[in-house]
Amino acid sequence: MPKVLISDDLSPLAKQIFEARGIEVDQIVGLTKDELIAKIGEYDGLAIRSATKVTKDVIAAATNLKVVGRAGIGVDNVDIPTATGAGIVVMNTPFGNSITTAEHAIAMMFAIAREIPMADASTRLGKWEKNRFMGVELTSKTLGIIGCGNIGSIVAERALGLRMKVVAFDPYLSPERAVDLGVEKVELDELFRRADFITLHTPLTDGTRGVVNAAAFAKMKDGVFIINCARGGLVVEKDLKAALESGKVAGAALDVFEVEPAKQNDLFAFENVILTPHLGASTNEAQVNVAVQVAEQMADYLLDGAVTNALNMASVSAEDAPRLRPYMKLAAQLGGFAGQLTETGIKKVVIEYEGDAAQLNVRPLTAAVLEALLRPLMDSVNMVNAPTVAKERNIEVSEVKHDREGDYHTLMRVTVTTEKQTRDIAGTLFANGDARIVQIKGISIEAQVTDNMIFVVNEDLPGFIGNLGTILGSAGLNIATFNLGREAAGKEAIALVAIDGAVPQDVLGQIRSLPHVRQVKHLKF
């Protein structure tokens, strides 16, 4: 009989579900790290929220652990790479608290618009300052939503019901999906310029960190309101402080902070700032939803091997797993490569399977491509829900199998059509199972994917390679491999350079400034 430990405060329904399915369960809340390490070896499953930290040391001691289930979205408290290496499936419940978080953002918007917490405190002191608290109406105001995915779309729906105008910035929001939602899709600078209220609903990634900063505030209307119930770090707090002091920002409502728990913060001193302690998912309904979902998902996996909402595993049968494993790696590399190069909304994805690949069960491969393609801006996407996410965003996904065998015995090709361009990338497997990129944008190039790579598109003219090598050498960046391809002499060329380490932004800027360079990207895998 499988045995599960619930180490955080979950709804009692979670324990009831495990027991009803015949799974032995212990609920022990408040374990120290050492206590958890001492006990975890007894269990096949670990159900958590955010308090339990599943670190390398915990995983090393978890000799029988098969699955970690996070009741909620964020898995910052789980070392997913280490869990993956140990063969432990990590699941979450990405949709269980979406409505609750969206409603909290709407509530915060109302509260800051009408200064409700401040008026409440004043009234309790017997001041009756009726003329002091002159709020603003939401009706006819423009709400700018940064990130119009699952939560952001719910916020948009509620705001439209309040007769607000809604503009949204989301690179993955298709024009068709925007029409369905009733929002106007705009670029980020235009959102900053037009919005009376700005609310954030995007994950914290390298691309979104500090998205609301001093430069952004300079583009906004005077008297704008800022609401952040997504992730601390999206808003640069020192820049928000300066914008509040100058009057550029009329008020802010924050549920998340750069450092949590936020026991001290310069923003605490402002009367026109509303602060809550990361309450976005804190309703009875949400807590029940995520607890029930995580218990059901974990029980399904432990008893039947079914995988739902896994962050590090596709839905693959036991029979297919050994054969699919190298193809899954190739699919993730192709999708990740295309996703990191995509900067505008995706309209269509075509995944082609040729030769040996065409004989496989390609559904998990397609899911792996989509997961890696969408992940750069959507931290809750996984190989299970990626097809659903793509469908919700009106991304047309096609699988094409070719019986023919071309230059390679097996080939996968991913073609992504965005609002501005179509780009394709193809890869193969060598006899030893090693994955290789063999074509980008129709240009032949052979490259092995590494942790850090620089992708450069340039005109094929003399001097480029030397200049690029000089910049990297001067920055102390060692080149592991250097792969080149070109359309024709003097035409478009591609360089794919593997680097031993991360590439600083100033180095990328120097490369962009080279003559005849059209595009530069730092790719991380």
Protein backbone atom coordinates (compact mmCIF):
# COMPACT_ATOMS: atom_id res chain seq x y z
CA MET A 1 0.00 0.00 0.00
CA PRO A 2 1.42 3.43 -0.95
CA LYS A 3 2.07 5.83 1.90
CA VAL A 4 1.75 9.62 1.70
CA LEU A 5 2.92 12.39 4.03
CA ILE A 6 0.98 15.66 4.16
CA SER A 7 3.50 18.06 5.68
CA ASP A 8 1.60 21.36 5.30
CA ASP A 9 -1.81 22.61 6.35
CA LEU A 10 -4.16 21.18 3.70
CA SER A 11 -7.93 20.84 3.82
CA PRO A 12 -9.01 17.64 5.67
CA LEU A 13 -10.57 16.54 2.38
CA ALA A 14 -7.11 15.70 1.04
CA LYS A 15 -6.51 13.09 3.74
CA GLN A 16 -10.02 11.72 3.24
CA ILE A 17 -9.42 11.26 -0.49
CA PHE A 18 -6.16 9.39 0.07
CA GLU A 19 -7.76 7.10 2.63
CA ALA A 20 -10.81 6.46 0.46
CA ARG A 21 -8.47 5.33 -2.33
CA GLY A 22 -6.73 2.88 0.02
CA ILE A 23 -3.59 4.96 0.53
CA GLU A 24 -2.06 5.21 3.99
CA VAL A 25 -1.56 8.84 4.96
CA ASP A 26 0.03 10.81 7.79
CA GLN A 27 -0.54 14.54 8.24
CA ILE A 28 2.29 16.06 10.25
CA VAL A 29 2.50 19.84 9.97
CA GLY A 30 5.43 21.97 11.10
CA LEU A 31 8.29 19.53 10.67
CA THR A 32 11.76 21.04 10.77
CA LYS A 33 14.11 20.26 7.91
CA ASP A 34 15.95 17.67 9.98
CA GLU A 35 12.70 16.08 11.11
CA LEU A 36 11.47 15.89 7.52
CA ILE A 37 14.75 14.33 6.39
CA ALA A 38 14.48 11.75 9.15
CA LYS A 39 10.94 10.74 8.17
CA ILE A 40 10.70 11.19 4.39
CA GLY A 41 12.26 7.81 3.59
CA GLU A 42 9.06 6.10 4.75
CA TYR A 43 6.83 7.68 2.13
CA ASP A 44 5.93 7.21 -1.53
CA GLY A 45 4.25 10.60 -1.84
CA LEU A 46 4.66 14.06 -0.29
CA ALA A 47 1.79 16.56 -0.38
CA ILE A 48 2.81 20.16 0.38
CA ARG A 49 1.90 23.81 0.06
CA SER A 50 4.54 26.53 0.31
CA ALA A 51 5.93 25.98 3.81
CA THR A 52 7.72 22.68 3.20
CA LYS A 53 11.03 23.06 1.35
CA VAL A 54 11.85 20.05 -0.81
CA THR A 55 15.60 20.59 -1.08
CA LYS A 56 18.45 18.43 -2.35
CA ASP A 57 19.01 17.09 1.16
CA VAL A 58 15.36 16.14 1.53
CA ILE A 59 15.32 14.46 -1.87
CA ALA A 60 18.52 12.57 -1.09
CA ALA A 61 16.84 11.11 2.00
CA ALA A 62 13.60 10.33 0.13
CA THR A 63 14.64 6.85 -0.96
CA ASN A 64 11.08 5.68 -1.66
CA LEU A 65 9.54 8.95 -2.84
CA LYS A 66 7.78 8.77 -6.19
CA VAL A 67 5.74 11.98 -6.34
CA VAL A 68 5.63 15.45 -4.79
CA GLY A 69 2.28 17.19 -5.07
CA ARG A 70 2.12 20.98 -4.59
CA ALA A 71 -1.36 22.21 -3.70
CA GLY A 72 -1.10 25.48 -5.61
CA ILE A 73 0.77 26.94 -8.56
CA GLY A 74 4.22 28.04 -7.44
CA VAL A 75 6.89 25.39 -6.93
CA ASP A 76 9.73 27.67 -5.86
CA ASN A 77 10.04 25.51 -2.74
CA VAL A 78 10.78 22.35 -4.73
CA ASP A 79 14.15 21.57 -6.32
CA ILE A 80 12.64 20.28 -9.55
CA PRO A 81 15.91 19.42 -11.36
CA THR A 82 17.08 17.32 -8.42
CA ALA A 83 13.67 15.67 -8.12
CA THR A 84 13.74 14.88 -11.83
CA GLY A 85 17.19 13.35 -11.55
CA ALA A 86 15.90 11.18 -8.72
CA GLY A 87 12.93 10.03 -10.78
CA ILE A 88 10.39 11.90 -8.64
CA VAL A 89 7.38 13.39 -10.40
CA VAL A 90 6.54 16.94 -9.32
CA MET A 91 2.90 17.95 -9.74
CA ASN A 92 1.03 21.16 -9.04
CA THR A 93 -2.55 22.42 -9.35
CA PRO A 94 -2.27 25.37 -11.72
CA PHE A 95 -5.96 26.24 -11.98
CA GLY A 96 -7.30 25.62 -8.48
CA ASN A 97 -6.91 29.16 -7.16
CA SER A 98 -7.20 31.22 -10.34
CA ILE A 99 -10.59 32.74 -9.54
CA THR A 100 -9.55 33.54 -5.98
CA THR A 101 -6.40 35.35 -7.11
CA ALA A 102 -8.29 37.27 -9.80
CA GLU A 103 -10.94 38.35 -7.32
CA HIS A 104 -8.26 39.54 -4.91
CA ALA A 105 -6.81 41.75 -7.64
CA ILE A 106 -10.24 43.24 -8.34
CA ALA A 107 -10.81 43.78 -4.62
CA MET A 108 -7.44 45.53 -4.30
CA MET A 109 -8.30 47.74 -7.27
CA PHE A 110 -11.58 48.79 -5.66
CA ALA A 111 -9.88 49.35 -2.31
CA ILE A 112 -7.15 51.64 -3.65
CA ALA A 113 -9.54 53.51 -5.95
CA ARG A 114 -11.83 54.40 -3.04
CA GLU A 115 -9.15 54.46 -0.29
CA ILE A 116 -11.23 52.04 1.75
CA PRO A 117 -8.57 50.83 4.23
CA MET A 118 -7.46 54.41 4.94
CA ALA A 119 -11.05 55.60 5.40
CA ASP A 120 -11.77 52.67 7.69
CA ALA A 121 -8.78 53.45 9.90
CA SER A 122 -9.72 57.14 10.05
CA THR A 123 -13.33 56.41 10.94
CA ARG A 124 -12.29 54.03 13.74
CA LEU A 125 -10.35 56.94 15.24
CA GLY A 126 -13.54 59.01 15.30
CA LYS A 127 -12.31 61.55 12.75
CA TRP A 128 -15.19 61.37 10.24
CA GLU A 129 -13.02 62.83 7.44
CA LYS A 130 -15.66 62.66 4.74
CA ASN A 131 -14.04 65.27 2.51
CA ARG A 132 -10.55 63.78 2.79
CA PHE A 133 -11.23 60.51 0.97
CA MET A 134 -12.20 61.50 -2.54
CA GLY A 135 -11.91 58.37 -4.63
CA VAL A 136 -12.16 57.66 -8.35
CA GLU A 137 -14.69 55.60 -10.29
CA LEU A 138 -13.67 52.48 -12.17
CA THR A 139 -16.38 52.86 -14.80
CA SER A 140 -14.98 54.02 -18.15
CA LYS A 141 -11.40 53.86 -16.86
CA THR A 142 -8.81 51.90 -18.81
CA LEU A 143 -7.37 48.83 -17.12
CA GLY A 144 -4.03 47.59 -18.43
CA ILE A 145 -3.41 43.89 -17.84
CA ILE A 146 0.16 42.63 -18.11
CA GLY A 147 -0.19 38.90 -18.67
CA CYS A 148 -3.57 37.77 -19.99
CA GLY A 149 -3.38 34.06 -19.28
CA ASN A 150 -5.60 32.06 -16.96
CA ILE A 151 -5.79 34.60 -14.11
CA GLY A 152 -5.43 37.70 -16.26
CA SER A 153 -8.33 36.65 -18.48
CA ILE A 154 -10.58 36.25 -15.43
CA VAL A 155 -9.58 39.74 -14.28
CA ALA A 156 -10.41 41.06 -17.75
CA GLU A 157 -13.85 39.44 -17.65
CA ARG A 158 -14.61 41.00 -14.25
CA ALA A 159 -13.31 44.40 -15.31
CA LEU A 160 -15.44 44.43 -18.44
CA GLY A 161 -18.43 43.69 -16.22
CA LEU A 162 -17.54 46.88 -14.35
CA ARG A 163 -17.72 48.77 -17.67
CA MET A 164 -13.98 49.35 -17.76
CA LYS A 165 -11.99 49.45 -20.98
CA VAL A 166 -9.36 46.69 -20.99
CA VAL A 167 -6.06 46.67 -22.85
CA ALA A 168 -3.72 43.72 -22.48
CA PHE A 169 -0.08 42.99 -23.14
CA ASP A 170 0.83 39.33 -23.53
CA PRO A 171 3.17 38.05 -26.27
CA TYR A 172 1.26 34.78 -26.31
CA LEU A 173 -2.19 36.35 -26.61
CA SER A 174 -3.45 35.86 -30.15
CA PRO A 175 -5.63 38.53 -31.78
CA GLU A 176 -8.47 35.99 -31.99
CA ARG A 177 -8.24 35.18 -28.30
CA ALA A 178 -8.20 38.91 -27.48
CA VAL A 179 -11.42 39.35 -29.45
CA ASP A 180 -13.01 36.41 -27.61
CA LEU A 181 -12.06 37.99 -24.27
CA GLY A 182 -13.27 41.43 -25.33
CA VAL A 183 -9.89 43.08 -24.71
CA GLU A 184 -7.63 45.13 -26.95
CA LYS A 185 -4.20 43.62 -27.44
CA VAL A 186 -1.47 46.27 -27.32
CA GLU A 187 2.28 46.56 -26.97
CA LEU A 188 3.67 47.19 -23.51
CA ASP A 189 4.61 50.83 -24.11
CA GLU A 190 1.10 51.59 -25.34
CA LEU A 191 -0.39 49.91 -22.27
CA PHE A 192 1.77 52.09 -20.04
CA ARG A 193 0.70 55.18 -21.95
CA ARG A 194 -3.07 54.52 -21.92
CA ALA A 195 -3.88 52.72 -18.68
CA ASP A 196 -5.46 54.39 -15.65
CA PHE A 197 -4.99 51.19 -13.64
CA ILE A 198 -2.30 48.57 -14.28
CA THR A 199 -2.51 45.04 -12.87
CA LEU A 200 0.11 42.32 -13.29
CA HIS A 201 -0.66 38.64 -13.88
CA THR A 202 2.50 37.22 -15.38
CA PRO A 203 5.05 34.78 -13.94
CA LEU A 204 8.40 36.04 -12.71
CA THR A 205 10.97 35.15 -15.36
CA ASP A 206 14.18 36.68 -16.66
CA GLY A 207 12.05 38.46 -19.24
CA THR A 208 9.47 39.87 -16.81
CA ARG A 209 11.61 40.68 -13.78
CA GLY A 210 11.40 44.41 -13.11
CA VAL A 211 8.99 44.97 -16.01
CA VAL A 212 7.47 47.90 -14.09
CA ASN A 213 10.48 50.11 -13.44
CA ALA A 214 11.54 53.74 -13.61
CA ALA A 215 11.49 53.77 -17.41
CA ALA A 216 7.99 52.28 -17.39
CA PHE A 217 6.70 54.81 -14.86
CA ALA A 218 8.00 57.63 -17.06
CA LYS A 219 5.72 56.42 -19.86
CA MET A 220 2.59 56.19 -17.69
CA LYS A 221 -0.17 58.72 -17.09
CA ASP A 222 0.13 60.98 -14.09
CA GLY A 223 -2.04 59.56 -11.32
CA VAL A 224 -1.90 55.92 -12.44
CA PHE A 225 -2.72 53.11 -10.00
CA ILE A 226 -0.61 49.93 -9.76
CA ILE A 227 -1.92 46.52 -8.58
CA ASN A 228 0.35 43.50 -8.19
CA CYS A 229 -1.07 40.19 -6.97
CA ALA A 230 1.23 38.05 -9.12
CA ARG A 231 4.88 37.87 -8.07
CA GLY A 232 7.22 40.11 -6.14
CA GLY A 233 10.01 41.34 -8.38
CA LEU A 234 7.77 42.28 -11.29
CA VAL A 235 7.63 45.81 -9.86
CA VAL A 236 10.92 47.47 -8.88
CA GLU A 237 10.02 48.67 -5.40
CA LYS A 238 12.57 51.49 -5.19
CA ASP A 239 11.25 52.87 -8.49
CA LEU A 240 7.67 52.57 -7.25
CA LYS A 241 8.67 54.48 -4.11
CA ALA A 242 10.08 57.31 -6.24
CA ALA A 243 6.96 57.35 -8.42
CA LEU A 244 4.74 57.59 -5.34
CA GLU A 245 6.83 60.42 -3.93
CA SER A 246 6.65 62.37 -7.20
CA GLY A 247 2.91 61.85 -7.55
CA LYS A 248 3.26 59.98 -10.84
CA VAL A 249 1.56 57.02 -9.13
CA ALA A 250 -1.61 57.96 -7.25
CA GLY A 251 -1.75 54.71 -5.35
CA ALA A 252 -0.60 51.10 -5.29
CA ALA A 253 -2.03 47.83 -4.00
CA LEU A 254 0.49 45.05 -3.44
CA ASP A 255 -0.04 41.46 -2.35
CA VAL A 256 3.50 40.35 -3.20
CA PHE A 257 6.96 41.75 -2.50
CA GLU A 258 10.55 41.44 -3.63
CA VAL A 259 11.43 39.90 -0.26
CA GLU A 260 8.87 37.77 1.60
CA PRO A 261 7.79 37.62 4.30
CA ALA A 262 7.80 41.42 4.09
CA LYS A 263 8.38 42.44 7.70
CA GLN A 264 10.06 45.72 6.75
CA ASN A 265 9.66 47.71 3.55
CA ASP A 266 9.99 51.36 2.55
CA LEU A 267 6.51 51.20 1.00
CA PHE A 268 4.96 50.69 4.44
CA ALA A 269 5.31 54.43 5.07
CA PHE A 270 2.93 55.50 2.28
CA GLU A 271 -0.70 56.16 3.14
CA ASN A 272 -1.74 55.65 -0.47
CA VAL A 273 -0.39 52.09 -0.63
CA ILE A 274 -2.47 49.05 0.35
CA LEU A 275 -0.53 45.99 1.43
CA THR A 276 -1.63 42.40 2.04
CA PRO A 277 0.54 39.38 3.02
CA HIS A 278 0.36 37.29 -0.17
CA LEU A 279 -3.35 36.52 0.20
CA GLY A 280 -4.12 35.95 -3.48
CA ALA A 281 -4.99 32.28 -3.01
CA SER A 282 -6.34 32.62 0.52
CA THR A 283 -10.02 31.70 0.38
CA ASN A 284 -11.75 28.65 1.76
CA GLU A 285 -12.84 27.62 -1.71
CA ALA A 286 -9.35 27.83 -3.19
CA GLN A 287 -7.79 25.90 -0.33
CA VAL A 288 -10.35 23.13 -0.75
CA ASN A 289 -9.94 23.09 -4.54
CA VAL A 290 -6.15 22.74 -4.55
CA ALA A 291 -6.17 20.17 -1.72
CA VAL A 292 -8.73 17.97 -3.49
CA GLN A 293 -6.94 18.28 -6.82
CA VAL A 294 -3.51 17.42 -5.49
CA ALA A 295 -4.82 14.41 -3.56
CA GLU A 296 -6.65 13.06 -6.59
CA GLN A 297 -3.66 13.57 -8.89
CA MET A 298 -1.22 11.91 -6.49
CA ALA A 299 -3.55 8.98 -5.85
CA ASP A 300 -4.01 8.45 -9.59
CA TYR A 301 -0.27 8.34 -10.09
CA LEU A 302 0.55 6.11 -7.13
CA LEU A 303 -2.21 3.62 -7.89
CA ASP A 304 -2.53 3.69 -11.68
CA GLY A 305 0.54 5.48 -13.02
CA ALA A 306 -1.58 8.26 -14.51
CA VAL A 307 0.17 11.63 -14.69
CA THR A 308 -1.70 14.95 -14.49
CA ASN A 309 -0.23 18.46 -14.22
CA ALA A 310 3.31 17.17 -13.90
CA LEU A 311 6.01 19.81 -14.23
CA ASN A 312 8.80 17.40 -15.10
CA MET A 313 7.16 14.49 -16.90
CA ALA A 314 4.97 13.94 -19.92
CA SER A 315 2.05 11.53 -20.11
CA VAL A 316 3.93 8.46 -21.24
CA SER A 317 3.03 4.79 -20.85
CA ALA A 318 5.50 2.36 -19.35
CA GLU A 319 5.87 0.60 -22.72
CA ASP A 320 6.72 3.76 -24.65
CA ALA A 321 9.01 5.40 -22.10
CA PRO A 322 12.40 3.82 -23.02
CA ARG A 323 11.97 4.45 -26.74
CA LEU A 324 10.60 7.96 -26.34
CA ARG A 325 13.16 9.22 -23.83
CA PRO A 326 15.78 10.58 -26.33
CA TYR A 327 13.00 12.00 -28.52
CA MET A 328 11.51 13.79 -25.52
CA LYS A 329 14.85 15.51 -25.01
CA LEU A 330 14.99 16.53 -28.67
CA ALA A 331 11.38 17.79 -28.56
CA ALA A 332 12.13 19.93 -25.50
CA GLN A 333 15.21 21.39 -27.17
CA LEU A 334 13.38 22.27 -30.38
CA GLY A 335 10.42 23.79 -28.52
CA GLY A 336 12.65 25.66 -26.09
CA PHE A 337 14.77 27.00 -28.92
CA ALA A 338 11.73 28.28 -30.83
CA GLY A 339 10.09 29.65 -27.67
CA GLN A 340 13.09 31.71 -26.67
CA LEU A 341 13.24 33.25 -30.14
CA THR A 342 9.53 34.08 -30.22
CA GLU A 343 8.66 37.66 -29.28
CA THR A 344 5.12 38.08 -30.63
CA GLY A 345 1.85 36.18 -30.36
CA ILE A 346 1.89 32.64 -31.76
CA LYS A 347 -0.78 31.80 -34.31
CA LYS A 348 0.23 28.37 -35.53
CA VAL A 349 2.60 25.53 -34.66
CA VAL A 350 3.32 22.65 -37.04
CA ILE A 351 5.32 19.68 -35.73
CA GLU A 352 6.56 17.28 -38.38
CA TYR A 353 7.82 13.75 -37.74
CA GLU A 354 9.86 12.04 -40.43
CA GLY A 355 11.48 8.60 -40.74
CA ASP A 356 11.69 6.63 -37.48
CA ALA A 357 10.04 9.48 -35.55
CA ALA A 358 6.87 9.07 -37.61
CA GLN A 359 6.41 5.55 -36.22
CA LEU A 360 6.26 6.73 -32.59
CA ASN A 361 3.44 7.70 -30.26
CA VAL A 362 3.93 11.39 -30.99
CA ARG A 363 1.36 12.89 -28.61
CA PRO A 364 3.79 13.20 -25.66
CA LEU A 365 6.41 14.57 -28.06
CA THR A 366 4.03 17.25 -29.28
CA ALA A 367 3.16 18.09 -25.67
CA ALA A 368 6.86 18.35 -24.84
CA VAL A 369 7.40 20.73 -27.77
CA LEU A 370 4.47 22.92 -26.73
CA GLU A 371 5.50 22.96 -23.07
CA ALA A 372 9.01 24.14 -23.92
CA LEU A 373 7.70 26.58 -26.54
CA LEU A 374 5.28 28.28 -24.12
CA ARG A 375 7.34 28.08 -20.94
CA PRO A 376 9.48 31.25 -21.39
CA LEU A 377 6.49 33.43 -20.40
CA MET A 378 4.21 30.93 -18.65
CA ASP A 379 5.71 29.24 -15.61
CA SER A 380 2.58 27.18 -14.88
CA VAL A 381 2.54 25.38 -18.23
CA ASN A 382 3.61 21.75 -18.33
CA MET A 383 3.59 18.85 -20.75
CA VAL A 384 0.14 17.81 -19.62
CA ASN A 385 -1.69 21.13 -19.84
CA ALA A 386 0.33 22.66 -22.71
CA PRO A 387 -2.10 21.47 -25.44
CA THR A 388 -5.03 22.91 -23.48
CA VAL A 389 -3.23 26.20 -22.93
CA ALA A 390 -2.46 26.41 -26.65
CA LYS A 391 -6.10 25.74 -27.50
CA GLU A 392 -7.32 28.39 -25.05
CA ARG A 393 -5.04 30.91 -26.74
CA ASN A 394 -6.29 29.96 -30.22
CA ILE A 395 -2.91 28.59 -31.26
CA GLU A 396 -3.45 26.15 -34.11
CA VAL A 397 -1.38 23.02 -33.51
CA SER A 398 -0.80 20.46 -36.26
CA GLU A 399 1.04 17.14 -36.23
CA VAL A 400 2.30 15.84 -39.58
CA LYS A 401 3.82 12.39 -40.08
CA HIS A 402 5.94 11.69 -43.15
CA ASP A 403 6.64 8.07 -44.03
CA ARG A 404 9.55 9.15 -46.19
CA GLU A 405 13.12 9.11 -44.94
CA GLY A 406 15.20 12.05 -46.11
CA ASP A 407 18.78 12.97 -45.30
CA TYR A 408 18.34 11.65 -41.77
CA HIS A 409 16.88 8.35 -40.55
CA THR A 410 14.75 10.30 -38.08
CA LEU A 411 13.80 13.98 -38.01
CA MET A 412 11.58 16.36 -36.06
CA ARG A 413 10.76 19.81 -37.39
CA VAL A 414 8.94 22.60 -35.49
CA THR A 415 7.53 25.50 -37.51
CA VAL A 416 6.15 28.44 -35.55
CA THR A 417 4.05 31.13 -37.20
CA THR A 418 3.63 34.35 -35.23
CA GLU A 419 1.93 37.62 -36.05
CA LYS A 420 5.09 38.81 -37.78
CA GLN A 421 6.98 35.83 -39.19
CA THR A 422 7.35 32.08 -39.68
CA ARG A 423 10.41 30.28 -38.31
CA ASP A 424 11.31 26.60 -38.41
CA ILE A 425 13.90 24.49 -36.60
CA ALA A 426 14.70 20.83 -37.16
CA GLY A 427 16.65 18.22 -35.23
CA THR A 428 17.66 14.58 -35.36
CA LEU A 429 19.10 11.83 -33.18
CA PHE A 430 22.46 10.24 -33.82
CA ALA A 431 22.95 6.49 -33.43
CA ASN A 432 23.96 6.90 -29.78
CA GLY A 433 20.79 8.88 -29.02
CA ASP A 434 22.48 12.29 -28.94
CA ALA A 435 20.20 15.11 -30.11
CA ARG A 436 21.39 17.58 -32.73
CA ILE A 437 19.98 20.74 -34.29
CA VAL A 438 20.36 20.33 -38.05
CA GLN A 439 18.42 23.23 -39.58
CA ILE A 440 17.24 26.72 -38.55
CA LYS A 441 15.13 28.94 -40.81
CA GLY A 442 15.90 26.64 -43.72
CA ILE A 443 19.66 27.03 -43.17
CA SER A 444 21.62 23.83 -42.57
CA ILE A 445 23.62 23.85 -39.35
CA GLU A 446 24.71 21.04 -37.06
CA ALA A 447 24.89 21.82 -33.36
CA GLN A 448 24.57 20.08 -30.03
CA VAL A 449 22.43 22.01 -27.53
CA THR A 450 24.22 23.08 -24.33
CA ASP A 451 23.18 25.00 -21.20
CA ASN A 452 24.13 28.44 -22.54
CA MET A 453 24.18 29.40 -26.19
CA ILE A 454 24.31 32.59 -28.23
CA PHE A 455 22.16 32.70 -31.37
CA VAL A 456 23.15 35.31 -33.95
CA VAL A 457 21.60 36.14 -37.32
CA ASN A 458 23.81 38.29 -39.54
CA GLU A 459 24.75 39.07 -43.11
CA ASP A 460 27.45 36.72 -44.38
CA LEU A 461 30.28 39.23 -44.74
CA PRO A 462 33.98 39.06 -43.81
CA GLY A 463 35.07 39.98 -40.29
CA PHE A 464 32.02 38.87 -38.32
CA ILE A 465 33.51 35.73 -36.80
CA GLY A 466 36.66 37.51 -35.71
CA ASN A 467 34.74 40.39 -34.16
CA LEU A 468 32.42 38.01 -32.31
CA GLY A 469 35.34 35.98 -30.97
CA THR A 470 37.09 39.16 -29.82
CA ILE A 471 34.03 40.32 -27.85
CA LEU A 472 33.60 36.97 -26.14
CA GLY A 473 37.30 36.63 -25.40
CA SER A 474 37.50 40.13 -23.94
CA ALA A 475 34.56 39.27 -21.67
CA GLY A 476 36.31 36.12 -20.46
CA LEU A 477 33.68 33.84 -22.01
CA ASN A 478 35.01 30.51 -23.23
CA ILE A 479 33.61 29.13 -26.48
CA ALA A 480 32.75 25.44 -26.21
CA THR A 481 31.54 24.98 -29.79
CA PHE A 482 31.04 27.34 -32.72
CA ASN A 483 28.54 26.30 -35.38
CA LEU A 484 27.84 28.21 -38.57
CA GLY A 485 25.40 28.02 -41.46
CA ARG A 486 24.39 30.34 -44.27
CA GLU A 487 21.73 30.72 -46.91
CA ALA A 488 24.30 31.56 -49.59
CA ALA A 489 27.46 33.62 -49.93
CA GLY A 490 26.72 37.17 -48.85
CA LYS A 491 23.19 36.27 -47.75
CA GLU A 492 21.72 35.58 -44.32
CA ALA A 493 23.90 33.54 -41.97
CA ILE A 494 23.44 31.96 -38.56
CA ALA A 495 25.94 31.42 -35.76
CA LEU A 496 25.12 29.16 -32.82
CA VAL A 497 27.80 29.45 -30.16
CA ALA A 498 27.96 27.31 -27.02
CA ILE A 499 29.39 29.24 -24.06
CA ASP A 500 30.74 27.91 -20.76
CA GLY A 501 28.57 30.08 -18.53
CA ALA A 502 25.90 32.78 -18.59
CA VAL A 503 26.24 35.71 -20.99
CA PRO A 504 25.94 39.23 -19.49
CA GLN A 505 23.54 41.68 -21.12
CA ASP A 506 26.32 44.14 -21.93
CA VAL A 507 28.11 41.46 -23.95
CA LEU A 508 24.92 40.78 -25.92
CA GLY A 509 24.66 44.52 -26.51
CA GLN A 510 28.19 44.62 -27.93
CA ILE A 511 27.34 41.78 -30.31
CA ARG A 512 24.17 43.55 -31.42
CA SER A 513 26.23 46.62 -32.24
CA LEU A 514 28.44 44.73 -34.69
CA PRO A 515 27.95 45.66 -38.34
CA HIS A 516 25.37 43.60 -40.23
CA VAL A 517 24.02 41.78 -37.14
CA ARG A 518 20.22 41.39 -37.34
CA GLN A 519 19.35 39.42 -34.20
CA VAL A 520 21.09 38.23 -31.03
CA LYS A 521 19.64 35.97 -28.35
CA HIS A 522 21.03 34.30 -25.25
CA LEU A 523 19.47 30.83 -25.15
CA LYS A 524 19.36 28.82 -21.92
CA PHE A 525 18.50 25.14 -21.71
